[in-house]
Amino acid sequence: MASGDGSYGAPPPPPPPPSTPLVHRESRWRTSQYGDITKLREYAAKHEKAAARFQTRAARVNTRIDKLRHQAAVLREKAQSVLAVVPEYEQEINQYQRDIQASTQRTAGIVVGSDVTTLQVRIRKLQQKIVNRQHKARSLELRAAQRTQKTAELKVKVDLFLEKSRLEEQEAQSYQARADKLQMVTQAEVAERIQPGGTPPPPPPPGQYRSP
């Protein structure tokens, strides 16, 4: 029999709730693929962390390289300053040798006075100073060359760190792209499950009879 409100049989079922972002997220969380997406994003984050760690190491080594280059430049400047007075010593030696030659010419080389021996002693002392300064300058140059060689070795290490960082970034981008692709597929599947036939038709208005 018809009910008192004019409808025939049981009342129509209520329409399905509209699809909201919350419903969409909950349906996505219930899928098994959500765990795969989070795992891929975790792998991507790990590779990004490793890439950042290698970049940090490369930056530290670059700082050390700059310090070593500065030290090498300072040592070379010191070596040049040490050798700067050598020409003055050589000029003094030449002057003393001329004085000795003039003194020996007066005595025809028969008598060697104390003035000549004094000049000879001064020449020996100046020559010793020149040798000492040359030795010190060469030691400074050696230390500078050692630091330059160390910078070359560290540069190889920097290149290795940067190459590892680049590879880690590529791995992170690969995992991130796989996660994004899987997420798009999952969203499409969940959307089809929530609305398989599109928007359902509205229910018939009350007061109309429905065919049995």
Protein backbone atom coordinates (compact mmCIF):
# COMPACT_ATOMS: atom_id res chain seq x y z
CA MET A 1 0.00 0.00 0.00
CA ALA A 2 0.95 3.54 -0.51
CA SER A 3 2.15 5.37 2.51
CA GLY A 4 0.47 8.44 3.81
CA ASP A 5 2.87 10.79 2.10
CA GLY A 6 2.00 9.34 -1.34
CA SER A 7 5.17 7.24 -1.88
CA TYR A 8 4.94 3.57 -2.87
CA GLY A 9 6.84 1.00 -0.83
CA ALA A 10 9.97 1.83 1.19
CA PRO A 11 11.41 5.31 0.96
CA PRO A 12 14.36 5.74 -1.45
CA PRO A 13 17.84 5.37 0.00
CA PRO A 14 19.65 8.60 0.84
CA PRO A 15 22.07 9.87 -1.77
CA PRO A 16 25.77 9.01 -1.24
CA PRO A 17 27.78 11.66 0.54
CA PRO A 18 29.64 14.04 -1.73
CA SER A 19 33.32 13.40 -2.39
CA THR A 20 35.41 15.67 -0.22
CA PRO A 21 39.21 16.00 0.12
CA LEU A 22 39.01 14.29 3.51
CA VAL A 23 37.18 11.30 2.04
CA HIS A 24 39.72 11.18 -0.78
CA ARG A 25 42.67 11.19 1.64
CA GLU A 26 41.14 8.52 3.84
CA SER A 27 40.52 6.28 0.86
CA ARG A 28 44.10 6.81 -0.28
CA TRP A 29 45.43 5.95 3.16
CA ARG A 30 43.53 2.68 3.10
CA THR A 31 45.30 1.51 -0.06
CA SER A 32 48.40 -0.65 0.10
CA GLN A 33 50.17 1.65 -2.35
CA TYR A 34 50.34 4.45 0.19
CA GLY A 35 53.03 2.54 2.08
CA ASP A 36 55.02 2.19 -1.13
CA ILE A 37 54.77 5.93 -1.75
CA THR A 38 56.01 6.81 1.72
CA LYS A 39 58.84 4.30 1.42
CA LEU A 40 59.95 5.82 -1.89
CA ARG A 41 59.85 9.29 -0.38
CA GLU A 42 61.89 8.02 2.56
CA TYR A 43 64.53 6.67 0.19
CA ALA A 44 64.55 10.00 -1.65
CA ALA A 45 65.04 11.87 1.63
CA LYS A 46 67.92 9.59 2.61
CA HIS A 47 69.70 10.18 -0.69
CA GLU A 48 69.12 13.93 -0.39
CA LYS A 49 70.66 13.83 3.09
CA ALA A 50 73.66 11.92 1.77
CA ALA A 51 74.06 14.44 -1.06
CA ALA A 52 73.99 17.32 1.43
CA ARG A 53 76.58 15.54 3.59
CA PHE A 54 78.97 15.17 0.65
CA GLN A 55 78.46 18.81 -0.28
CA THR A 56 79.28 19.82 3.29
CA ARG A 57 82.48 17.78 3.18
CA ALA A 58 83.43 19.34 -0.14
CA ALA A 59 82.86 22.82 1.29
CA ARG A 60 85.07 22.07 4.30
CA VAL A 61 87.85 20.75 2.09
CA ASN A 62 87.57 23.82 -0.15
CA THR A 63 88.02 26.01 2.92
CA ARG A 64 91.14 24.06 3.83
CA ILE A 65 92.43 24.41 0.26
CA ASP A 66 92.03 28.19 0.42
CA LYS A 67 93.92 28.30 3.72
CA LEU A 68 96.78 26.24 2.29
CA ARG A 69 96.96 28.46 -0.79
CA HIS A 70 97.14 31.52 1.42
CA GLN A 71 99.92 29.97 3.50
CA ALA A 72 101.86 29.07 0.36
CA ALA A 73 101.56 32.63 -0.93
CA VAL A 74 102.77 34.04 2.41
CA LEU A 75 105.76 31.67 2.44
CA ARG A 76 106.77 32.67 -1.09
CA GLU A 77 106.58 36.34 -0.14
CA LYS A 78 108.81 35.67 2.87
CA ALA A 79 111.30 33.86 0.65
CA GLN A 80 111.42 36.83 -1.70
CA SER A 81 111.92 39.24 1.20
CA VAL A 82 114.76 37.09 2.54
CA LEU A 83 116.55 37.21 -0.83
CA ALA A 84 115.88 40.92 -1.29
CA VAL A 85 119.03 41.97 0.61
CA VAL A 86 121.35 39.60 -1.26
CA PRO A 87 122.16 42.14 -4.03
CA GLU A 88 123.29 44.62 -1.36
CA TYR A 89 125.63 42.05 0.14
CA GLU A 90 127.00 41.27 -3.30
CA GLN A 91 127.68 44.96 -3.93
CA GLU A 92 129.58 45.22 -0.63
CA ILE A 93 131.61 42.15 -1.55
CA ASN A 94 132.52 43.68 -4.91
CA GLN A 95 133.58 46.90 -3.19
CA TYR A 96 135.76 45.03 -0.69
CA GLN A 97 137.37 43.07 -3.52
CA ARG A 98 138.24 46.32 -5.32
CA ASP A 99 139.75 47.68 -2.11
CA ILE A 100 141.82 44.52 -1.67
CA GLN A 101 143.02 44.73 -5.26
CA ALA A 102 144.02 48.36 -4.83
CA SER A 103 145.93 47.60 -1.60
CA THR A 104 147.83 44.65 -3.07
CA GLN A 105 148.80 46.70 -6.13
CA ARG A 106 150.51 49.28 -3.90
CA THR A 107 152.70 46.64 -2.28
CA ALA A 108 153.02 44.53 -5.43
CA GLY A 109 151.50 41.60 -3.55
CA ILE A 110 154.62 41.15 -1.40
CA VAL A 111 153.20 42.40 1.86
CA VAL A 112 149.67 41.56 2.98
CA GLY A 113 148.61 43.98 5.64
CA SER A 114 145.94 43.70 8.27
CA ASP A 115 143.68 45.96 6.26
CA VAL A 116 143.58 43.34 3.51
CA THR A 117 142.90 40.46 5.87
CA THR A 118 140.17 42.49 7.56
CA LEU A 119 138.47 43.01 4.22
CA GLN A 120 138.80 39.33 3.44
CA VAL A 121 137.12 38.42 6.72
CA ARG A 122 134.27 40.81 5.95
CA ILE A 123 133.87 39.24 2.52
CA ARG A 124 133.66 35.76 4.07
CA LYS A 125 131.02 36.93 6.53
CA LEU A 126 128.93 38.49 3.77
CA GLN A 127 129.23 35.33 1.69
CA GLN A 128 128.08 33.29 4.68
CA LYS A 129 125.08 35.59 5.11
CA ILE A 130 124.18 35.14 1.46
CA VAL A 131 124.37 31.35 1.78
CA ASN A 132 122.27 31.41 4.95
CA ARG A 133 119.60 33.54 3.32
CA GLN A 134 119.53 31.36 0.23
CA HIS A 135 119.11 28.29 2.42
CA LYS A 136 116.29 29.94 4.36
CA ALA A 137 114.57 31.06 1.15
CA ARG A 138 114.78 27.56 -0.31
CA SER A 139 113.31 26.11 2.88
CA LEU A 140 110.41 28.54 2.62
CA GLU A 141 109.94 27.68 -1.04
CA LEU A 142 109.89 23.98 -0.14
CA ARG A 143 107.20 24.53 2.47
CA ALA A 144 105.18 26.53 -0.02
CA ALA A 145 105.54 23.79 -2.64
CA GLN A 146 104.42 21.18 -0.12
CA ARG A 147 101.28 23.16 0.63
CA THR A 148 100.62 23.59 -3.07
CA GLN A 149 100.95 19.84 -3.55
CA LYS A 150 98.55 19.28 -0.66
CA THR A 151 95.99 21.55 -2.30
CA ALA A 152 96.21 19.46 -5.48
CA GLU A 153 95.54 16.28 -3.48
CA LEU A 154 92.62 17.88 -1.67
CA LYS A 155 91.19 19.12 -4.97
CA VAL A 156 90.91 15.50 -6.09
CA LYS A 157 89.03 14.72 -2.89
CA VAL A 158 86.67 17.66 -3.50
CA ASP A 159 85.91 16.40 -6.99
CA LEU A 160 85.18 12.96 -5.56
CA PHE A 161 82.79 14.39 -2.95
CA LEU A 162 80.99 16.49 -5.56
CA GLU A 163 80.64 13.49 -7.86
CA LYS A 164 79.16 11.42 -5.04
CA SER A 165 76.80 14.27 -4.18
CA ARG A 166 75.67 14.46 -7.81
CA LEU A 167 74.98 10.71 -7.89
CA GLU A 168 73.03 10.89 -4.63
CA GLU A 169 70.94 13.76 -5.99
CA GLN A 170 70.16 11.73 -9.10
CA GLU A 171 69.05 8.80 -6.95
CA ALA A 172 66.88 11.11 -4.84
CA GLN A 173 65.25 12.59 -7.94
CA SER A 174 64.63 9.10 -9.29
CA TYR A 175 62.88 7.94 -6.12
CA GLN A 176 60.93 11.20 -5.93
CA ALA A 177 59.74 10.82 -9.51
CA ARG A 178 58.65 7.22 -8.86
CA ALA A 179 56.76 8.32 -5.76
CA ASP A 180 55.01 11.14 -7.64
CA LYS A 181 54.05 8.81 -10.47
CA LEU A 182 52.71 6.17 -8.08
CA GLN A 183 50.77 8.81 -6.18
CA MET A 184 49.11 10.03 -9.38
CA VAL A 185 48.11 6.48 -10.28
CA THR A 186 46.77 5.88 -6.80
CA GLN A 187 44.75 9.06 -6.81
CA ALA A 188 43.21 8.13 -10.15
CA GLU A 189 42.27 4.62 -8.94
CA VAL A 190 40.77 5.94 -5.71
CA ALA A 191 38.79 8.58 -7.57
CA GLU A 192 37.34 5.89 -9.85
CA ARG A 193 36.42 3.76 -6.83
CA ILE A 194 34.68 6.63 -5.07
CA GLN A 195 32.75 7.75 -8.17
CA PRO A 196 32.58 4.75 -10.53
CA GLY A 197 29.81 6.14 -12.73
CA GLY A 198 30.32 9.80 -12.24
CA THR A 199 27.83 11.91 -10.29
CA PRO A 200 24.78 9.84 -9.29
CA PRO A 201 21.36 11.08 -10.52
CA PRO A 202 19.24 12.98 -7.99
CA PRO A 203 16.48 10.96 -6.22
CA PRO A 204 12.88 11.37 -7.45
CA PRO A 205 10.92 14.05 -5.69
CA PRO A 206 8.52 12.86 -2.94
CA GLY A 207 4.87 12.38 -3.83
CA GLN A 208 5.50 10.38 -6.98
CA TYR A 209 4.81 6.68 -7.33
CA ARG A 210 7.65 4.39 -8.23
CA SER A 211 7.18 1.32 -10.34
CA PRO A 212 7.51 -1.93 -8.38
